Amino acid sequence: MLSILTKYYGLDLLAMGLSFLGIYTIGNKQRYGFVIALCGNILWLTLGIITRSVGLIFANAVIAALYVRAYMRWQKTSGI
């Protein structure tokens, strides 16, 4: 059982947690959520490299770029 959890050194579990936390934080209108989610993406990208999954690598590279773009374009809402 433990080998299932540590097969990828726990990177998949940490990436999942950071992804969930980042999206949750963005949903609470906190800009730093993008940084948290980006850290999760970097771990997913690393996992894609370890497993040699082209789809995982490509998808997370694009998602990481979108998080960076969203972070740079972030503005507080006016509360209207």
PDB file of N, CA and C in Angstrom:
ATOM      1  N   MET A   1       0.825  -1.204   0.000  1.00  0.00           N
ATOM      2  CA  MET A   1       0.000   0.000   0.000  1.00  0.00           C
ATOM      3  C   MET A   1       0.863   1.261   0.000  1.00  0.00           C
ATOM      4  N   LEU A   2       1.898   1.273   0.808  1.00  0.00           N
ATOM      5  CA  LEU A   2       2.755   2.450   0.890  1.00  0.00           C
ATOM      6  C   LEU A   2       3.478   2.708  -0.424  1.00  0.00           C
ATOM      7  N   SER A   3       3.784   1.644  -1.152  1.00  0.00           N
ATOM      8  CA  SER A   3       4.480   1.821  -2.433  1.00  0.00           C
ATOM      9  C   SER A   3       3.618   2.567  -3.446  1.00  0.00           C
ATOM     10  N   ILE A   4       2.306   2.442  -3.361  1.00  0.00           N
ATOM     11  CA  ILE A   4       1.412   3.179  -4.247  1.00  0.00           C
ATOM     12  C   ILE A   4       1.522   4.678  -3.976  1.00  0.00           C
ATOM     13  N   LEU A   5       1.634   5.047  -2.716  1.00  0.00           N
ATOM     14  CA  LEU A   5       1.708   6.459  -2.341  1.00  0.00           C
ATOM     15  C   LEU A   5       3.066   7.077  -2.636  1.00  0.00           C
ATOM     16  N   THR A   6       4.095   6.262  -2.679  1.00  0.00           N
ATOM     17  CA  THR A   6       5.447   6.803  -2.866  1.00  0.00           C
ATOM     18  C   THR A   6       6.041   6.465  -4.228  1.00  0.00           C
ATOM     19  N   LYS A   7       5.243   5.940  -5.135  1.00  0.00           N
ATOM     20  CA  LYS A   7       5.755   5.528  -6.446  1.00  0.00           C
ATOM     21  C   LYS A   7       6.458   6.677  -7.165  1.00  0.00           C
ATOM     22  N   TYR A   8       5.912   7.866  -7.075  1.00  0.00           N
ATOM     23  CA  TYR A   8       6.516   9.043  -7.704  1.00  0.00           C
ATOM     24  C   TYR A   8       7.032  10.020  -6.657  1.00  0.00           C
ATOM     25  N   TYR A   9       7.536   9.465  -5.563  1.00  0.00           N
ATOM     26  CA  TYR A   9       8.171  10.241  -4.492  1.00  0.00           C
ATOM     27  C   TYR A   9       7.204  11.226  -3.823  1.00  0.00           C
ATOM     28  N   GLY A  10       5.921  10.985  -3.971  1.00  0.00           N
ATOM     29  CA  GLY A  10       4.921  11.878  -3.390  1.00  0.00           C
ATOM     30  C   GLY A  10       4.692  13.145  -4.190  1.00  0.00           C
ATOM     31  N   LEU A  11       5.379  13.287  -5.327  1.00  0.00           N
ATOM     32  CA  LEU A  11       5.222  14.490  -6.148  1.00  0.00           C
ATOM     33  C   LEU A  11       3.791  14.639  -6.646  1.00  0.00           C
ATOM     34  N   ASP A  12       3.167  13.538  -7.017  1.00  0.00           N
ATOM     35  CA  ASP A  12       1.804  13.604  -7.520  1.00  0.00           C
ATOM     36  C   ASP A  12       0.831  14.074  -6.444  1.00  0.00           C
ATOM     37  N   LEU A  13       1.031  13.607  -5.220  1.00  0.00           N
ATOM     38  CA  LEU A  13       0.150  14.023  -4.123  1.00  0.00           C
ATOM     39  C   LEU A  13       0.355  15.487  -3.762  1.00  0.00           C
ATOM     40  N   LEU A  14       1.603  15.920  -3.732  1.00  0.00           N
ATOM     41  CA  LEU A  14       1.902  17.321  -3.437  1.00  0.00           C
ATOM     42  C   LEU A  14       1.386  18.231  -4.555  1.00  0.00           C
ATOM     43  N   ALA A  15       1.578  17.815  -5.809  1.00  0.00           N
ATOM     44  CA  ALA A  15       1.091  18.598  -6.944  1.00  0.00           C
ATOM     45  C   ALA A  15      -0.428  18.735  -6.894  1.00  0.00           C
ATOM     46  N   MET A  16      -1.101  17.638  -6.576  1.00  0.00           N
ATOM     47  CA  MET A  16      -2.556  17.660  -6.476  1.00  0.00           C
ATOM     48  C   MET A  16      -3.003  18.629  -5.381  1.00  0.00           C
ATOM     49  N   GLY A  17      -2.375  18.533  -4.218  1.00  0.00           N
ATOM     50  CA  GLY A  17      -2.739  19.416  -3.108  1.00  0.00           C
ATOM     51  C   GLY A  17      -2.516  20.882  -3.436  1.00  0.00           C
ATOM     52  N   LEU A  18      -1.379  21.188  -4.045  1.00  0.00           N
ATOM     53  CA  LEU A  18      -1.088  22.581  -4.412  1.00  0.00           C
ATOM     54  C   LEU A  18      -2.053  23.082  -5.481  1.00  0.00           C
ATOM     55  N   SER A  19      -2.397  22.229  -6.427  1.00  0.00           N
ATOM     56  CA  SER A  19      -3.352  22.624  -7.467  1.00  0.00           C
ATOM     57  C   SER A  19      -4.712  22.955  -6.855  1.00  0.00           C
ATOM     58  N   PHE A  20      -5.196  22.078  -5.970  1.00  0.00           N
ATOM     59  CA  PHE A  20      -6.479  22.328  -5.313  1.00  0.00           C
ATOM     60  C   PHE A  20      -6.436  23.596  -4.469  1.00  0.00           C
ATOM     61  N   LEU A  21      -5.376  23.741  -3.679  1.00  0.00           N
ATOM     62  CA  LEU A  21      -5.256  24.917  -2.818  1.00  0.00           C
ATOM     63  C   LEU A  21      -5.151  26.200  -3.641  1.00  0.00           C
ATOM     64  N   GLY A  22      -4.398  26.159  -4.728  1.00  0.00           N
ATOM     65  CA  GLY A  22      -4.261  27.338  -5.580  1.00  0.00           C
ATOM     66  C   GLY A  22      -5.585  27.767  -6.183  1.00  0.00           C
ATOM     67  N   ILE A  23      -6.331  26.812  -6.710  1.00  0.00           N
ATOM     68  CA  ILE A  23      -7.628  27.134  -7.313  1.00  0.00           C
ATOM     69  C   ILE A  23      -8.605  27.630  -6.252  1.00  0.00           C
ATOM     70  N   TYR A  24      -8.576  27.018  -5.076  1.00  0.00           N
ATOM     71  CA  TYR A  24      -9.434  27.466  -3.978  1.00  0.00           C
ATOM     72  C   TYR A  24      -9.105  28.903  -3.585  1.00  0.00           C
ATOM     73  N   THR A  25      -7.809  29.206  -3.507  1.00  0.00           N
ATOM     74  CA  THR A  25      -7.366  30.548  -3.113  1.00  0.00           C
ATOM     75  C   THR A  25      -7.734  31.578  -4.182  1.00  0.00           C
ATOM     76  N   ILE A  26      -7.583  31.217  -5.453  1.00  0.00           N
ATOM     77  CA  ILE A  26      -7.995  32.116  -6.532  1.00  0.00           C
ATOM     78  C   ILE A  26      -9.492  32.374  -6.440  1.00  0.00           C
ATOM     79  N   GLY A  27     -10.247  31.343  -6.124  1.00  0.00           N
ATOM     80  CA  GLY A  27     -11.696  31.489  -5.954  1.00  0.00           C
ATOM     81  C   GLY A  27     -12.065  32.431  -4.826  1.00  0.00           C
ATOM     82  N   ASN A  28     -11.174  32.582  -3.854  1.00  0.00           N
ATOM     83  CA  ASN A  28     -11.370  33.532  -2.757  1.00  0.00           C
ATOM     84  C   ASN A  28     -10.801  34.905  -3.089  1.00  0.00           C
ATOM     85  N   LYS A  29     -10.480  35.109  -4.378  1.00  0.00           N
ATOM     86  CA  LYS A  29      -9.987  36.386  -4.899  1.00  0.00           C
ATOM     87  C   LYS A  29      -8.666  36.809  -4.269  1.00  0.00           C
ATOM     88  N   GLN A  30      -7.782  35.825  -4.047  1.00  0.00           N
ATOM     89  CA  GLN A  30      -6.447  36.088  -3.530  1.00  0.00           C
ATOM     90  C   GLN A  30      -5.438  35.851  -4.656  1.00  0.00           C
ATOM     91  N   ARG A  31      -4.699  36.882  -5.025  1.00  0.00           N
ATOM     92  CA  ARG A  31      -3.788  36.804  -6.159  1.00  0.00           C
ATOM     93  C   ARG A  31      -2.696  35.751  -5.963  1.00  0.00           C
ATOM     94  N   TYR A  32      -2.232  35.551  -4.754  1.00  0.00           N
ATOM     95  CA  TYR A  32      -1.156  34.595  -4.508  1.00  0.00           C
ATOM     96  C   TYR A  32      -1.575  33.149  -4.811  1.00  0.00           C
ATOM     97  N   GLY A  33      -2.867  32.923  -5.028  1.00  0.00           N
ATOM     98  CA  GLY A  33      -3.336  31.610  -5.433  1.00  0.00           C
ATOM     99  C   GLY A  33      -2.718  31.160  -6.748  1.00  0.00           C
ATOM    100  N   PHE A  34      -2.427  32.125  -7.627  1.00  0.00           N
ATOM    101  CA  PHE A  34      -1.775  31.786  -8.887  1.00  0.00           C
ATOM    102  C   PHE A  34      -0.378  31.229  -8.653  1.00  0.00           C
ATOM    103  N   VAL A  35       0.315  31.771  -7.669  1.00  0.00           N
ATOM    104  CA  VAL A  35       1.664  31.295  -7.347  1.00  0.00           C
ATOM    105  C   VAL A  35       1.598  29.874  -6.793  1.00  0.00           C
ATOM    106  N   ILE A  36       0.638  29.626  -5.921  1.00  0.00           N
ATOM    107  CA  ILE A  36       0.464  28.284  -5.361  1.00  0.00           C
ATOM    108  C   ILE A  36       0.134  27.287  -6.472  1.00  0.00           C
ATOM    109  N   ALA A  37      -0.812  27.657  -7.338  1.00  0.00           N
ATOM    110  CA  ALA A  37      -1.203  26.770  -8.432  1.00  0.00           C
ATOM    111  C   ALA A  37      -0.039  26.557  -9.398  1.00  0.00           C
ATOM    112  N   LEU A  38       0.757  27.593  -9.624  1.00  0.00           N
ATOM    113  CA  LEU A  38       1.915  27.471 -10.509  1.00  0.00           C
ATOM    114  C   LEU A  38       2.934  26.496  -9.930  1.00  0.00           C
ATOM    115  N   CYS A  39       3.116  26.515  -8.628  1.00  0.00           N
ATOM    116  CA  CYS A  39       4.015  25.542  -7.980  1.00  0.00           C
ATOM    117  C   CYS A  39       3.497  24.116  -8.200  1.00  0.00           C
ATOM    118  N   GLY A  40       2.187  23.937  -8.096  1.00  0.00           N
ATOM    119  CA  GLY A  40       1.599  22.634  -8.388  1.00  0.00           C
ATOM    120  C   GLY A  40       1.835  22.229  -9.832  1.00  0.00           C
ATOM    121  N   ASN A  41       1.714  23.203 -10.742  1.00  0.00           N
ATOM    122  CA  ASN A  41       1.956  22.930 -12.156  1.00  0.00           C
ATOM    123  C   ASN A  41       3.398  22.527 -12.424  1.00  0.00           C
ATOM    124  N   ILE A  42       4.319  23.164 -11.755  1.00  0.00           N
ATOM    125  CA  ILE A  42       5.731  22.819 -11.931  1.00  0.00           C
ATOM    126  C   ILE A  42       5.967  21.376 -11.478  1.00  0.00           C
ATOM    127  N   LEU A  43       5.306  20.977 -10.396  1.00  0.00           N
ATOM    128  CA  LEU A  43       5.430  19.592  -9.948  1.00  0.00           C
ATOM    129  C   LEU A  43       4.790  18.630 -10.939  1.00  0.00           C
ATOM    130  N   TRP A  44       3.633  18.998 -11.503  1.00  0.00           N
ATOM    131  CA  TRP A  44       3.006  18.150 -12.524  1.00  0.00           C
ATOM    132  C   TRP A  44       3.908  18.039 -13.743  1.00  0.00           C
ATOM    133  N   LEU A  45       4.530  19.138 -14.113  1.00  0.00           N
ATOM    134  CA  LEU A  45       5.457  19.134 -15.246  1.00  0.00           C
ATOM    135  C   LEU A  45       6.646  18.219 -14.955  1.00  0.00           C
ATOM    136  N   THR A  46       7.168  18.294 -13.753  1.00  0.00           N
ATOM    137  CA  THR A  46       8.270  17.420 -13.338  1.00  0.00           C
ATOM    138  C   THR A  46       7.842  15.956 -13.390  1.00  0.00           C
ATOM    139  N   LEU A  47       6.648  15.685 -12.923  1.00  0.00           N
ATOM    140  CA  LEU A  47       6.131  14.320 -12.973  1.00  0.00           C
ATOM    141  C   LEU A  47       5.985  13.839 -14.417  1.00  0.00           C
ATOM    142  N   GLY A  48       5.560  14.738 -15.301  1.00  0.00           N
ATOM    143  CA  GLY A  48       5.473  14.396 -16.714  1.00  0.00           C
ATOM    144  C   GLY A  48       6.825  14.035 -17.302  1.00  0.00           C
ATOM    145  N   ILE A  49       7.863  14.734 -16.875  1.00  0.00           N
ATOM    146  CA  ILE A  49       9.217  14.433 -17.337  1.00  0.00           C
ATOM    147  C   ILE A  49       9.674  13.080 -16.795  1.00  0.00           C
ATOM    148  N   ILE A  50       9.405  12.826 -15.529  1.00  0.00           N
ATOM    149  CA  ILE A  50       9.792  11.550 -14.914  1.00  0.00           C
ATOM    150  C   ILE A  50       9.113  10.383 -15.620  1.00  0.00           C
ATOM    151  N   THR A  51       7.826  10.551 -15.938  1.00  0.00           N
ATOM    152  CA  THR A  51       7.064   9.458 -16.548  1.00  0.00           C
ATOM    153  C   THR A  51       7.133   9.472 -18.076  1.00  0.00           C
ATOM    154  N   ARG A  52       7.794  10.474 -18.617  1.00  0.00           N
ATOM    155  CA  ARG A  52       7.913  10.639 -20.078  1.00  0.00           C
ATOM    156  C   ARG A  52       6.541  10.728 -20.753  1.00  0.00           C
ATOM    157  N   SER A  53       5.648  11.493 -20.141  1.00  0.00           N
ATOM    158  CA  SER A  53       4.307  11.692 -20.678  1.00  0.00           C
ATOM    159  C   SER A  53       4.248  13.020 -21.417  1.00  0.00           C
ATOM    160  N   VAL A  54       4.227  12.948 -22.735  1.00  0.00           N
ATOM    161  CA  VAL A  54       4.220  14.155 -23.557  1.00  0.00           C
ATOM    162  C   VAL A  54       2.969  14.988 -23.285  1.00  0.00           C
ATOM    163  N   GLY A  55       1.834  14.331 -23.134  1.00  0.00           N
ATOM    164  CA  GLY A  55       0.595  15.048 -22.855  1.00  0.00           C
ATOM    165  C   GLY A  55       0.641  15.814 -21.546  1.00  0.00           C
ATOM    166  N   LEU A  56       1.162  15.182 -20.513  1.00  0.00           N
ATOM    167  CA  LEU A  56       1.278  15.822 -19.210  1.00  0.00           C
ATOM    168  C   LEU A  56       2.245  16.998 -19.261  1.00  0.00           C
ATOM    169  N   ILE A  57       3.341  16.827 -19.958  1.00  0.00           N
ATOM    170  CA  ILE A  57       4.324  17.901 -20.096  1.00  0.00           C
ATOM    171  C   ILE A  57       3.716  19.079 -20.851  1.00  0.00           C
ATOM    172  N   PHE A  58       3.125  18.811 -22.013  1.00  0.00           N
ATOM    173  CA  PHE A  58       2.574  19.879 -22.839  1.00  0.00           C
ATOM    174  C   PHE A  58       1.438  20.606 -22.128  1.00  0.00           C
ATOM    175  N   ALA A  59       0.491  19.847 -21.587  1.00  0.00           N
ATOM    176  CA  ALA A  59      -0.670  20.456 -20.924  1.00  0.00           C
ATOM    177  C   ALA A  59      -0.243  21.349 -19.765  1.00  0.00           C
ATOM    178  N   ASN A  60       0.687  20.882 -18.946  1.00  0.00           N
ATOM    179  CA  ASN A  60       1.075  21.675 -17.787  1.00  0.00           C
ATOM    180  C   ASN A  60       1.982  22.841 -18.137  1.00  0.00           C
ATOM    181  N   ALA A  61       2.708  22.744 -19.226  1.00  0.00           N
ATOM    182  CA  ALA A  61       3.474  23.901 -19.696  1.00  0.00           C
ATOM    183  C   ALA A  61       2.525  25.011 -20.145  1.00  0.00           C
ATOM    184  N   VAL A  62       1.468  24.633 -20.858  1.00  0.00           N
ATOM    185  CA  VAL A  62       0.480  25.621 -21.304  1.00  0.00           C
ATOM    186  C   VAL A  62      -0.276  26.201 -20.110  1.00  0.00           C
ATOM    187  N   ILE A  63      -0.699  25.349 -19.197  1.00  0.00           N
ATOM    188  CA  ILE A  63      -1.427  25.824 -18.015  1.00  0.00           C
ATOM    189  C   ILE A  63      -0.546  26.752 -17.177  1.00  0.00           C
ATOM    190  N   ALA A  64       0.733  26.423 -17.030  1.00  0.00           N
ATOM    191  CA  ALA A  64       1.653  27.289 -16.283  1.00  0.00           C
ATOM    192  C   ALA A  64       1.747  28.663 -16.944  1.00  0.00           C
ATOM    193  N   ALA A  65       1.842  28.684 -18.269  1.00  0.00           N
ATOM    194  CA  ALA A  65       1.896  29.963 -18.991  1.00  0.00           C
ATOM    195  C   ALA A  65       0.609  30.760 -18.777  1.00  0.00           C
ATOM    196  N   LEU A  66      -0.530  30.082 -18.748  1.00  0.00           N
ATOM    197  CA  LEU A  66      -1.798  30.766 -18.507  1.00  0.00           C
ATOM    198  C   LEU A  66      -1.880  31.319 -17.086  1.00  0.00           C
ATOM    199  N   TYR A  67      -1.343  30.585 -16.110  1.00  0.00           N
ATOM    200  CA  TYR A  67      -1.309  31.101 -14.735  1.00  0.00           C
ATOM    201  C   TYR A  67      -0.434  32.345 -14.644  1.00  0.00           C
ATOM    202  N   VAL A  68       0.700  32.331 -15.313  1.00  0.00           N
ATOM    203  CA  VAL A  68       1.581  33.510 -15.306  1.00  0.00           C
ATOM    204  C   VAL A  68       0.855  34.693 -15.940  1.00  0.00           C
ATOM    205  N   ARG A  69       0.193  34.456 -17.070  1.00  0.00           N
ATOM    206  CA  ARG A  69      -0.564  35.516 -17.747  1.00  0.00           C
ATOM    207  C   ARG A  69      -1.654  36.066 -16.833  1.00  0.00           C
ATOM    208  N   ALA A  70      -2.408  35.183 -16.201  1.00  0.00           N
ATOM    209  CA  ALA A  70      -3.495  35.612 -15.316  1.00  0.00           C
ATOM    210  C   ALA A  70      -2.954  36.395 -14.121  1.00  0.00           C
ATOM    211  N   TYR A  71      -1.821  35.957 -13.594  1.00  0.00           N
ATOM    212  CA  TYR A  71      -1.218  36.670 -12.457  1.00  0.00           C
ATOM    213  C   TYR A  71      -0.850  38.093 -12.860  1.00  0.00           C
ATOM    214  N   MET A  72      -0.268  38.243 -14.047  1.00  0.00           N
ATOM    215  CA  MET A  72       0.165  39.572 -14.495  1.00  0.00           C
ATOM    216  C   MET A  72      -1.022  40.475 -14.822  1.00  0.00           C
ATOM    217  N   ARG A  73      -2.131  39.903 -15.243  1.00  0.00           N
ATOM    218  CA  ARG A  73      -3.298  40.691 -15.613  1.00  0.00           C
ATOM    219  C   ARG A  73      -4.293  40.894 -14.460  1.00  0.00           C
ATOM    220  N   TRP A  74      -4.019  40.316 -13.315  1.00  0.00           N
ATOM    221  CA  TRP A  74      -4.937  40.346 -12.176  1.00  0.00           C
ATOM    222  C   TRP A  74      -5.177  41.776 -11.709  1.00  0.00           C
ATOM    223  N   GLN A  75      -6.431  42.089 -11.497  1.00  0.00           N
ATOM    224  CA  GLN A  75      -6.818  43.371 -10.910  1.00  0.00           C
ATOM    225  C   GLN A  75      -7.930  43.096  -9.908  1.00  0.00           C
ATOM    226  N   LYS A  76      -7.920  43.865  -8.865  1.00  0.00           N
ATOM    227  CA  LYS A  76      -9.014  43.734  -7.888  1.00  0.00           C
ATOM    228  C   LYS A  76     -10.299  44.216  -8.516  1.00  0.00           C
ATOM    229  N   THR A  77     -11.393  43.530  -8.197  1.00  0.00           N
ATOM    230  CA  THR A  77     -12.686  43.967  -8.709  1.00  0.00           C
ATOM    231  C   THR A  77     -13.138  45.201  -7.936  1.00  0.00           C
ATOM    232  N   SER A  78     -13.948  45.994  -8.587  1.00  0.00           N
ATOM    233  CA  SER A  78     -14.394  47.241  -7.980  1.00  0.00           C
ATOM    234  C   SER A  78     -15.531  47.041  -6.982  1.00  0.00           C
ATOM    235  N   GLY A  79     -16.056  45.816  -6.902  1.00  0.00           N
ATOM    236  CA  GLY A  79     -17.113  45.537  -5.950  1.00  0.00           C
ATOM    237  C   GLY A  79     -18.478  45.981  -6.413  1.00  0.00           C
ATOM    238  N   ILE A  80     -18.646  46.156  -7.702  1.00  0.00           N
ATOM    239  CA  ILE A  80     -19.933  46.615  -8.246  1.00  0.00           C
ATOM    240  C   ILE A  80     -20.925  45.473  -8.220  1.00  0.00           C
TER     241      ILE A  80
END
